[in-house]
Amino acid sequence: MNPEAAINVTDDLERTIQKRLELFPYAYPVHSFLESLGIEYRRTIIGNFTVFYKIIESKNENEKGLVVVNHIVYSARNVEKS
């Protein structure tokens, strides 16, 4: 019910995600539940949130790959059942 707080949380998440994943996207493990389904999503925990993302490699060796954030889940949820 506090729009300003929601904007602050979103901005903090965005900055932290960018900082963590820009240089070292492989630093975080592949999520084991999804890996068993043949899906290579990685996850990292930021505060009260779990961030799921995948890495799309560039076909051009002179370009960086792309990190795509697919889901951000409040960590109090049981993500294994989601």
Protein backbone atom coordinates (compact mmCIF):
# COMPACT_ATOMS: atom_id res chain seq x y z
CA MET A 1 0.00 0.00 0.00
CA ASN A 2 3.08 2.23 -0.14
CA PRO A 3 3.96 3.07 -3.76
CA GLU A 4 7.16 4.88 -2.78
CA ALA A 5 8.44 1.83 -0.87
CA ALA A 6 7.60 -0.40 -3.84
CA ILE A 7 9.57 1.85 -6.19
CA ASN A 8 12.55 1.84 -3.80
CA VAL A 9 12.52 -1.98 -3.54
CA THR A 10 12.30 -2.29 -7.32
CA ASP A 11 15.14 0.19 -7.88
CA ASP A 12 17.35 -1.57 -5.30
CA LEU A 13 16.67 -4.96 -6.89
CA GLU A 14 17.44 -3.67 -10.37
CA ARG A 15 20.75 -2.08 -9.29
CA THR A 16 21.83 -5.17 -7.36
CA ILE A 17 20.89 -7.56 -10.18
CA GLN A 18 22.83 -5.48 -12.69
CA LYS A 19 25.86 -5.22 -10.41
CA ARG A 20 25.94 -8.95 -9.63
CA LEU A 21 25.23 -10.36 -13.06
CA GLU A 22 26.95 -7.90 -15.39
CA LEU A 23 30.46 -9.20 -14.78
CA PHE A 24 29.96 -12.68 -13.34
CA PRO A 25 26.70 -14.25 -14.56
CA TYR A 26 28.08 -17.78 -14.07
CA ALA A 27 28.88 -17.14 -10.40
CA TYR A 28 25.51 -18.50 -9.29
CA PRO A 29 24.39 -22.12 -9.58
CA VAL A 30 21.90 -23.64 -11.97
CA HIS A 31 18.65 -24.23 -10.08
CA SER A 32 18.65 -28.00 -9.51
CA PHE A 33 14.86 -28.48 -9.76
CA LEU A 34 14.73 -26.81 -13.17
CA GLU A 35 17.96 -28.47 -14.32
CA SER A 36 16.31 -31.86 -13.87
CA LEU A 37 13.73 -30.68 -16.43
CA GLY A 38 16.48 -29.73 -18.89
CA ILE A 39 16.10 -26.01 -18.25
CA GLU A 40 19.24 -24.08 -17.35
CA TYR A 41 18.00 -21.25 -15.18
CA ARG A 42 20.34 -19.92 -12.56
CA ARG A 43 19.28 -18.26 -9.35
CA THR A 44 20.60 -15.82 -6.84
CA ILE A 45 19.09 -14.49 -3.64
CA ILE A 46 18.91 -10.74 -3.18
CA GLY A 47 17.46 -9.68 0.14
CA ASN A 48 14.01 -11.25 0.44
CA PHE A 49 13.85 -12.16 -3.25
CA THR A 50 15.03 -15.06 -5.40
CA VAL A 51 16.00 -14.04 -8.92
CA PHE A 52 15.87 -16.65 -11.71
CA TYR A 53 17.76 -15.87 -14.89
CA LYS A 54 19.31 -17.49 -17.92
CA ILE A 55 22.38 -16.67 -19.94
CA ILE A 56 22.20 -16.40 -23.70
CA GLU A 57 25.65 -16.74 -25.21
CA SER A 58 26.64 -14.39 -28.02
CA LYS A 59 27.53 -16.06 -31.32
CA ASN A 60 30.05 -13.28 -31.93
CA GLU A 61 33.14 -13.74 -29.76
CA ASN A 62 33.63 -9.96 -29.65
CA GLU A 63 30.29 -9.40 -27.92
CA LYS A 64 29.13 -10.18 -24.41
CA GLY A 65 26.33 -12.63 -23.88
CA LEU A 66 22.95 -11.58 -22.61
CA VAL A 67 21.48 -12.19 -19.15
CA VAL A 68 17.69 -12.48 -19.12
CA VAL A 69 15.88 -12.25 -15.78
CA ASN A 70 12.81 -14.46 -16.03
CA HIS A 71 11.31 -14.37 -12.56
CA ILE A 72 11.72 -12.53 -9.30
CA VAL A 73 9.98 -14.35 -6.45
CA TYR A 74 9.48 -13.25 -2.88
CA SER A 75 11.73 -15.70 -1.00
CA ALA A 76 9.12 -16.53 1.62
CA ARG A 77 7.39 -18.57 -1.10
CA ASN A 78 8.41 -22.17 -1.51
CA VAL A 79 9.95 -21.88 -4.98
CA GLU A 80 10.26 -25.67 -5.25
CA LYS A 81 6.44 -25.87 -5.36
CA SER A 82 5.97 -22.86 -7.69
